[in-house]
Amino acid sequence: MAVVGVHKIEELFKKAAGLQIGKEKVKEISDIIDQKFHDLLLIGEANAKYNGRDVIWYSDLPLTKAFRESMQKFKELEEELALEDVLEHIKTLPPLYALEVELEEKTVDIVGTLVYILANITKEFSKHDKVVSSEDLKSAEHILNLTI
């Protein structure tokens, strides 16, 4: 199960960066977002453990200033993701500590921001073309892996 649906990914790439993605790219994008979301939760879990807790707080996630600015830009798009879908997806991940209520509520913004960031990084590689290529997406994933 993907954390974000096919149509929502297509919408977000178009609205956030003016890019069109083929249906064959959606699975690849979804996998990248799933992995980065899980990575953030894993670091949050390590931070919670370090602080003697078995609950991940929002403040445990390594969200940089740039990430938080991108989160604000994502919110300005006024795109809604389904909280229930994100929380159900978390249940499919390897066992993690429980999430505090504030973090649960913000998971949709975190996931949406990851899509927003990936779309905008991809746009930097797709300057002359509005359709995302596999090479552009791989380059964007590489940068995302270096930063998150």
N, C-alpha and C. Protein backbone atom coordinates (compact mmCIF):
# COMPACT_ATOMS: atom_id res chain seq x y z
N MET A 1 0.85 -1.19 0.00
CA MET A 1 0.00 0.00 0.00
C MET A 1 0.89 1.25 0.00
N ALA A 2 0.60 2.16 -0.86
CA ALA A 2 1.36 3.40 -0.96
C ALA A 2 0.82 4.43 0.03
N VAL A 3 1.71 5.29 0.48
CA VAL A 3 1.31 6.32 1.43
C VAL A 3 0.51 7.43 0.75
N VAL A 4 0.71 7.63 -0.56
CA VAL A 4 -0.02 8.64 -1.32
C VAL A 4 -0.54 7.97 -2.60
N GLY A 5 -1.78 8.25 -2.95
CA GLY A 5 -2.39 7.64 -4.13
C GLY A 5 -1.87 8.21 -5.45
N VAL A 6 -2.13 7.47 -6.52
CA VAL A 6 -1.67 7.80 -7.86
C VAL A 6 -2.11 9.19 -8.29
N HIS A 7 -3.39 9.47 -8.19
CA HIS A 7 -3.92 10.76 -8.67
C HIS A 7 -3.38 11.92 -7.84
N LYS A 8 -3.20 11.69 -6.55
CA LYS A 8 -2.70 12.75 -5.68
C LYS A 8 -1.25 13.08 -6.03
N ILE A 9 -0.45 12.07 -6.33
CA ILE A 9 0.94 12.31 -6.73
C ILE A 9 0.98 13.10 -8.03
N GLU A 10 0.15 12.71 -8.98
CA GLU A 10 0.09 13.43 -10.26
C GLU A 10 -0.30 14.88 -10.03
N GLU A 11 -1.33 15.12 -9.21
CA GLU A 11 -1.78 16.47 -8.91
C GLU A 11 -0.69 17.30 -8.25
N LEU A 12 -0.04 16.71 -7.25
CA LEU A 12 0.98 17.45 -6.51
C LEU A 12 2.18 17.80 -7.39
N PHE A 13 2.62 16.90 -8.24
CA PHE A 13 3.74 17.20 -9.13
C PHE A 13 3.37 18.34 -10.07
N LYS A 14 2.14 18.33 -10.56
CA LYS A 14 1.70 19.39 -11.47
C LYS A 14 1.55 20.72 -10.74
N LYS A 15 0.90 20.70 -9.59
CA LYS A 15 0.65 21.94 -8.86
C LYS A 15 1.92 22.50 -8.22
N ALA A 16 2.79 21.65 -7.71
CA ALA A 16 4.00 22.10 -7.01
C ALA A 16 5.10 22.54 -7.95
N ALA A 17 5.21 21.85 -9.10
CA ALA A 17 6.36 22.13 -9.97
C ALA A 17 6.01 22.23 -11.45
N GLY A 18 4.74 22.13 -11.80
CA GLY A 18 4.35 22.23 -13.20
C GLY A 18 4.80 21.05 -14.04
N LEU A 19 4.99 19.89 -13.40
CA LEU A 19 5.49 18.72 -14.10
C LEU A 19 4.40 17.68 -14.31
N GLN A 20 4.51 16.99 -15.43
CA GLN A 20 3.62 15.87 -15.71
C GLN A 20 4.40 14.58 -15.52
N ILE A 21 3.74 13.62 -14.91
CA ILE A 21 4.40 12.33 -14.73
C ILE A 21 3.54 11.25 -15.36
N GLY A 22 4.22 10.32 -16.00
CA GLY A 22 3.52 9.19 -16.59
C GLY A 22 3.13 8.20 -15.51
N LYS A 23 2.11 7.41 -15.79
CA LYS A 23 1.64 6.41 -14.83
C LYS A 23 2.77 5.47 -14.39
N GLU A 24 3.70 5.21 -15.30
CA GLU A 24 4.81 4.30 -14.98
C GLU A 24 5.78 4.89 -13.96
N LYS A 25 5.76 6.19 -13.78
CA LYS A 25 6.65 6.86 -12.82
C LYS A 25 6.04 6.96 -11.42
N VAL A 26 4.72 6.83 -11.34
CA VAL A 26 4.04 7.02 -10.06
C VAL A 26 4.52 6.02 -9.02
N LYS A 27 4.67 4.76 -9.39
CA LYS A 27 5.13 3.74 -8.44
C LYS A 27 6.53 4.09 -7.93
N GLU A 28 7.39 4.51 -8.84
CA GLU A 28 8.76 4.89 -8.46
C GLU A 28 8.74 6.08 -7.49
N ILE A 29 7.94 7.07 -7.79
CA ILE A 29 7.82 8.25 -6.92
C ILE A 29 7.25 7.83 -5.56
N SER A 30 6.23 7.01 -5.58
CA SER A 30 5.61 6.54 -4.34
C SER A 30 6.63 5.79 -3.48
N ASP A 31 7.45 4.96 -4.10
CA ASP A 31 8.47 4.22 -3.36
C ASP A 31 9.49 5.16 -2.72
N ILE A 32 9.88 6.19 -3.45
CA ILE A 32 10.84 7.17 -2.92
C ILE A 32 10.24 7.87 -1.71
N ILE A 33 9.00 8.33 -1.83
CA ILE A 33 8.33 9.03 -0.73
C ILE A 33 8.17 8.11 0.47
N ASP A 34 7.75 6.87 0.22
CA ASP A 34 7.60 5.91 1.31
C ASP A 34 8.91 5.73 2.07
N GLN A 35 10.01 5.59 1.33
CA GLN A 35 11.31 5.35 1.96
C GLN A 35 11.77 6.57 2.77
N LYS A 36 11.62 7.75 2.21
CA LYS A 36 12.06 8.96 2.93
C LYS A 36 11.20 9.20 4.17
N PHE A 37 9.91 8.93 4.07
CA PHE A 37 9.03 9.07 5.22
C PHE A 37 9.46 8.09 6.32
N HIS A 38 9.74 6.87 5.93
CA HIS A 38 10.20 5.87 6.89
C HIS A 38 11.54 6.28 7.49
N ASP A 39 12.43 6.81 6.68
CA ASP A 39 13.73 7.28 7.18
C ASP A 39 13.54 8.34 8.27
N LEU A 40 12.64 9.29 8.03
CA LEU A 40 12.38 10.33 9.03
C LEU A 40 11.87 9.73 10.33
N LEU A 41 10.97 8.75 10.21
CA LEU A 41 10.43 8.11 11.41
C LEU A 41 11.49 7.31 12.15
N LEU A 42 12.39 6.67 11.41
CA LEU A 42 13.48 5.92 12.05
C LEU A 42 14.40 6.83 12.87
N ILE A 43 14.73 7.98 12.32
CA ILE A 43 15.56 8.94 13.06
C ILE A 43 14.78 9.48 14.25
N GLY A 44 13.49 9.73 14.07
CA GLY A 44 12.64 10.16 15.17
C GLY A 44 12.62 9.12 16.28
N GLU A 45 12.54 7.86 15.90
CA GLU A 45 12.55 6.78 16.89
C GLU A 45 13.88 6.75 17.65
N ALA A 46 14.98 6.90 16.93
CA ALA A 46 16.29 6.92 17.59
C ALA A 46 16.39 8.10 18.56
N ASN A 47 15.87 9.25 18.16
CA ASN A 47 15.89 10.43 19.04
C ASN A 47 15.02 10.21 20.28
N ALA A 48 13.86 9.59 20.08
CA ALA A 48 12.97 9.30 21.22
C ALA A 48 13.67 8.33 22.18
N LYS A 49 14.29 7.31 21.64
CA LYS A 49 14.99 6.33 22.47
C LYS A 49 16.12 7.01 23.25
N TYR A 50 16.87 7.86 22.58
CA TYR A 50 17.96 8.59 23.23
C TYR A 50 17.43 9.43 24.40
N ASN A 51 16.23 9.97 24.25
CA ASN A 51 15.62 10.79 25.29
C ASN A 51 14.80 9.98 26.29
N GLY A 52 14.93 8.65 26.24
CA GLY A 52 14.28 7.79 27.23
C GLY A 52 12.78 7.63 27.05
N ARG A 53 12.29 7.79 25.83
CA ARG A 53 10.86 7.65 25.56
C ARG A 53 10.61 6.51 24.59
N ASP A 54 9.41 5.96 24.65
CA ASP A 54 9.01 4.95 23.67
C ASP A 54 7.88 5.48 22.78
N VAL A 55 7.81 6.81 22.70
CA VAL A 55 6.85 7.51 21.83
C VAL A 55 7.64 8.54 21.02
N ILE A 56 7.39 8.57 19.72
CA ILE A 56 8.07 9.53 18.84
C ILE A 56 7.29 10.84 18.86
N TRP A 57 7.98 11.90 19.21
CA TRP A 57 7.38 13.23 19.19
C TRP A 57 7.70 13.90 17.87
N TYR A 58 6.89 14.88 17.52
CA TYR A 58 7.14 15.68 16.31
C TYR A 58 8.54 16.28 16.35
N SER A 59 8.93 16.75 17.52
CA SER A 59 10.25 17.38 17.67
C SER A 59 11.40 16.39 17.51
N ASP A 60 11.12 15.09 17.52
CA ASP A 60 12.17 14.08 17.32
C ASP A 60 12.58 13.95 15.86
N LEU A 61 11.71 14.39 14.95
CA LEU A 61 12.02 14.25 13.52
C LEU A 61 13.06 15.29 13.11
N PRO A 62 13.99 14.90 12.24
CA PRO A 62 15.04 15.83 11.81
C PRO A 62 14.56 16.75 10.67
N LEU A 63 13.63 17.63 10.99
CA LEU A 63 13.07 18.53 9.98
C LEU A 63 13.84 19.85 9.99
N THR A 64 14.58 20.07 8.93
CA THR A 64 15.42 21.26 8.82
C THR A 64 14.58 22.51 8.57
N LYS A 65 15.23 23.64 8.62
CA LYS A 65 14.58 24.91 8.32
C LYS A 65 14.02 24.88 6.89
N ALA A 66 14.80 24.37 5.96
CA ALA A 66 14.35 24.30 4.56
C ALA A 66 13.15 23.36 4.42
N PHE A 67 13.17 22.24 5.15
CA PHE A 67 12.04 21.33 5.11
C PHE A 67 10.78 22.02 5.62
N ARG A 68 10.92 22.75 6.73
CA ARG A 68 9.77 23.44 7.32
C ARG A 68 9.26 24.56 6.40
N GLU A 69 10.16 25.22 5.69
CA GLU A 69 9.73 26.22 4.71
C GLU A 69 8.98 25.56 3.56
N SER A 70 9.47 24.41 3.13
CA SER A 70 8.78 23.66 2.07
C SER A 70 7.42 23.18 2.56
N MET A 71 7.33 22.84 3.85
CA MET A 71 6.06 22.41 4.42
C MET A 71 5.04 23.56 4.34
N GLN A 72 5.50 24.75 4.60
CA GLN A 72 4.60 25.91 4.51
C GLN A 72 4.14 26.10 3.07
N LYS A 73 5.05 25.94 2.12
CA LYS A 73 4.68 26.07 0.70
C LYS A 73 3.71 24.97 0.28
N PHE A 74 3.93 23.77 0.80
CA PHE A 74 2.99 22.68 0.51
C PHE A 74 1.60 23.04 1.04
N LYS A 75 1.53 23.56 2.26
CA LYS A 75 0.23 23.94 2.85
C LYS A 75 -0.46 25.01 2.02
N GLU A 76 0.32 25.92 1.43
CA GLU A 76 -0.24 26.98 0.60
C GLU A 76 -0.88 26.44 -0.67
N LEU A 77 -0.51 25.24 -1.08
CA LEU A 77 -1.13 24.61 -2.25
C LEU A 77 -2.56 24.17 -1.95
N GLU A 78 -2.88 24.11 -0.65
CA GLU A 78 -4.21 23.70 -0.19
C GLU A 78 -4.62 22.35 -0.74
N GLU A 79 -3.68 21.42 -0.74
CA GLU A 79 -3.96 20.05 -1.15
C GLU A 79 -4.15 19.20 0.09
N GLU A 80 -5.15 18.39 0.08
CA GLU A 80 -5.46 17.54 1.23
C GLU A 80 -5.03 16.11 0.95
N LEU A 81 -4.35 15.53 1.92
CA LEU A 81 -4.06 14.10 1.90
C LEU A 81 -4.91 13.48 3.00
N ALA A 82 -5.24 12.22 2.85
CA ALA A 82 -6.09 11.54 3.82
C ALA A 82 -5.25 11.05 5.00
N LEU A 83 -5.52 11.58 6.18
CA LEU A 83 -4.80 11.18 7.39
C LEU A 83 -4.94 9.68 7.63
N GLU A 84 -6.13 9.16 7.43
CA GLU A 84 -6.36 7.73 7.67
C GLU A 84 -5.45 6.88 6.79
N ASP A 85 -5.25 7.28 5.53
CA ASP A 85 -4.39 6.52 4.62
C ASP A 85 -2.94 6.53 5.11
N VAL A 86 -2.48 7.68 5.57
CA VAL A 86 -1.09 7.78 6.06
C VAL A 86 -0.93 6.93 7.31
N LEU A 87 -1.88 7.01 8.24
CA LEU A 87 -1.77 6.23 9.48
C LEU A 87 -1.87 4.73 9.20
N GLU A 88 -2.70 4.34 8.24
CA GLU A 88 -2.77 2.93 7.85
C GLU A 88 -1.46 2.48 7.23
N HIS A 89 -0.84 3.36 6.44
CA HIS A 89 0.44 3.02 5.82
C HIS A 89 1.52 2.79 6.88
N ILE A 90 1.51 3.60 7.92
CA ILE A 90 2.50 3.46 8.99
C ILE A 90 2.42 2.06 9.60
N LYS A 91 1.23 1.50 9.67
CA LYS A 91 1.06 0.15 10.22
C LYS A 91 1.72 -0.92 9.37
N THR A 92 1.98 -0.62 8.09
CA THR A 92 2.62 -1.60 7.20
C THR A 92 4.14 -1.55 7.29
N LEU A 93 4.67 -0.54 7.97
CA LEU A 93 6.12 -0.40 8.12
C LEU A 93 6.61 -1.35 9.20
N PRO A 94 7.92 -1.64 9.19
CA PRO A 94 8.46 -2.43 10.30
C PRO A 94 8.11 -1.73 11.62
N PRO A 95 7.96 -2.49 12.68
CA PRO A 95 7.50 -1.91 13.96
C PRO A 95 8.31 -0.68 14.37
N LEU A 96 7.59 0.33 14.75
CA LEU A 96 8.17 1.58 15.25
C LEU A 96 7.53 1.89 16.59
N TYR A 97 8.15 2.81 17.31
CA TYR A 97 7.51 3.33 18.51
C TYR A 97 6.19 3.98 18.12
N ALA A 98 5.34 4.16 19.09
CA ALA A 98 4.07 4.87 18.87
C ALA A 98 4.36 6.33 18.54
N LEU A 99 3.44 6.97 17.83
CA LEU A 99 3.56 8.38 17.51
C LEU A 99 2.67 9.19 18.45
N GLU A 100 3.19 10.32 18.90
CA GLU A 100 2.36 11.21 19.71
C GLU A 100 1.24 11.76 18.82
N VAL A 101 0.18 12.24 19.43
CA VAL A 101 -0.98 12.74 18.69
C VAL A 101 -0.60 13.88 17.75
N GLU A 102 0.21 14.83 18.23
CA GLU A 102 0.62 15.96 17.38
C GLU A 102 1.33 15.47 16.13
N LEU A 103 2.22 14.49 16.29
CA LEU A 103 2.94 13.95 15.13
C LEU A 103 1.98 13.21 14.20
N GLU A 104 1.07 12.43 14.75
CA GLU A 104 0.09 11.75 13.90
C GLU A 104 -0.65 12.75 13.02
N GLU A 105 -1.07 13.86 13.62
CA GLU A 105 -1.83 14.87 12.88
C GLU A 105 -0.98 15.54 11.80
N LYS A 106 0.32 15.62 12.01
CA LYS A 106 1.19 16.30 11.05
C LYS A 106 1.78 15.36 10.00
N THR A 107 1.49 14.06 10.09
CA THR A 107 2.07 13.13 9.11
C THR A 107 1.65 13.47 7.68
N VAL A 108 0.41 13.92 7.50
CA VAL A 108 -0.02 14.26 6.13
C VAL A 108 0.78 15.43 5.58
N ASP A 109 1.10 16.40 6.42
CA ASP A 109 1.91 17.54 5.97
C ASP A 109 3.34 17.10 5.67
N ILE A 110 3.86 16.18 6.46
CA ILE A 110 5.22 15.68 6.23
C ILE A 110 5.29 14.93 4.91
N VAL A 111 4.34 14.03 4.69
CA VAL A 111 4.31 13.26 3.44
C VAL A 111 4.09 14.19 2.25
N GLY A 112 3.15 15.11 2.36
CA GLY A 112 2.91 16.07 1.28
C GLY A 112 4.13 16.91 0.99
N THR A 113 4.85 17.28 2.03
CA THR A 113 6.07 18.07 1.85
C THR A 113 7.14 17.26 1.14
N LEU A 114 7.25 15.98 1.44
CA LEU A 114 8.21 15.13 0.73
C LEU A 114 7.90 15.09 -0.77
N VAL A 115 6.62 14.98 -1.10
CA VAL A 115 6.23 15.00 -2.52
C VAL A 115 6.57 16.36 -3.13
N TYR A 116 6.25 17.43 -2.41
CA TYR A 116 6.54 18.79 -2.87
C TYR A 116 8.05 18.97 -3.13
N ILE A 117 8.86 18.52 -2.19
CA ILE A 117 10.32 18.65 -2.33
C ILE A 117 10.82 17.83 -3.51
N LEU A 118 10.38 16.58 -3.62
CA LEU A 118 10.81 15.73 -4.73
C LEU A 118 10.41 16.35 -6.07
N ALA A 119 9.20 16.88 -6.15
CA ALA A 119 8.74 17.51 -7.40
C ALA A 119 9.63 18.69 -7.76
N ASN A 120 9.98 19.51 -6.78
CA ASN A 120 10.79 20.69 -7.07
C ASN A 120 12.25 20.36 -7.38
N ILE A 121 12.78 19.33 -6.75
CA ILE A 121 14.13 18.89 -7.11
C ILE A 121 14.11 18.34 -8.55
N THR A 122 13.10 17.55 -8.85
CA THR A 122 12.97 16.98 -10.20
C THR A 122 12.86 18.08 -11.24
N LYS A 123 12.14 19.13 -10.90
CA LYS A 123 11.98 20.26 -11.83
C LYS A 123 13.33 20.86 -12.21
N GLU A 124 14.27 20.88 -11.30
CA GLU A 124 15.61 21.41 -11.59
C GLU A 124 16.31 20.60 -12.67
N PHE A 125 15.98 19.34 -12.79
CA PHE A 125 16.58 18.49 -13.82
C PHE A 125 15.74 18.45 -15.10
N SER A 126 14.50 18.91 -15.02
CA SER A 126 13.57 18.86 -16.15
C SER A 126 13.29 20.26 -16.70
N LYS A 127 14.28 21.12 -16.67
CA LYS A 127 14.08 22.53 -17.04
C LYS A 127 13.51 22.72 -18.44
N HIS A 128 13.87 21.86 -19.38
CA HIS A 128 13.44 22.05 -20.77
C HIS A 128 12.28 21.15 -21.16
N ASP A 129 11.80 20.39 -20.22
CA ASP A 129 10.74 19.45 -20.52
C ASP A 129 9.79 19.38 -19.33
N LYS A 130 8.51 19.40 -19.58
CA LYS A 130 7.51 19.34 -18.51
C LYS A 130 7.17 17.90 -18.12
N VAL A 131 7.68 16.95 -18.88
CA VAL A 131 7.42 15.54 -18.60
C VAL A 131 8.66 14.96 -17.92
N VAL A 132 8.45 14.33 -16.79
CA VAL A 132 9.55 13.79 -15.99
C VAL A 132 10.12 12.54 -16.64
N SER A 133 11.44 12.53 -16.81
CA SER A 133 12.12 11.35 -17.35
C SER A 133 12.64 10.50 -16.20
N SER A 134 12.97 9.26 -16.49
CA SER A 134 13.54 8.37 -15.47
C SER A 134 14.86 8.91 -14.95
N GLU A 135 15.67 9.50 -15.84
CA GLU A 135 16.97 10.05 -15.43
C GLU A 135 16.78 11.23 -14.48
N ASP A 136 15.81 12.09 -14.78
CA ASP A 136 15.53 13.24 -13.92
C ASP A 136 15.11 12.77 -12.53
N LEU A 137 14.25 11.78 -12.50
CA LEU A 137 13.75 11.26 -11.24
C LEU A 137 14.86 10.59 -10.43
N LYS A 138 15.73 9.86 -11.10
CA LYS A 138 16.86 9.22 -10.40
C LYS A 138 17.80 10.27 -9.82
N SER A 139 18.06 11.33 -10.57
CA SER A 139 18.92 12.41 -10.07
C SER A 139 18.28 13.09 -8.86
N ALA A 140 16.99 13.33 -8.94
CA ALA A 140 16.28 13.96 -7.82
C ALA A 140 16.30 13.05 -6.59
N GLU A 141 16.11 11.76 -6.81
CA GLU A 141 16.16 10.81 -5.69
C GLU A 141 17.54 10.81 -5.04
N HIS A 142 18.57 10.87 -5.86
CA HIS A 142 19.94 10.89 -5.32
C HIS A 142 20.14 12.10 -4.41
N ILE A 143 19.68 13.26 -4.83
CA ILE A 143 19.82 14.47 -4.00
C ILE A 143 18.98 14.33 -2.74
N LEU A 144 17.79 13.82 -2.85
CA LEU A 144 16.94 13.62 -1.68
C LEU A 144 17.61 12.65 -0.69
N ASN A 145 18.24 11.61 -1.20
CA ASN A 145 18.94 10.66 -0.34
C ASN A 145 20.14 11.30 0.37
N LEU A 146 20.77 12.25 -0.28
CA LEU A 146 21.90 12.94 0.35
C LEU A 146 21.46 13.91 1.43
N THR A 147 20.23 14.39 1.34
CA THR A 147 19.78 15.44 2.26
C THR A 147 18.81 14.99 3.33
N ILE A 148 18.10 13.90 3.08
CA ILE A 148 17.13 13.42 4.09
C ILE A 148 17.47 11.98 4.43
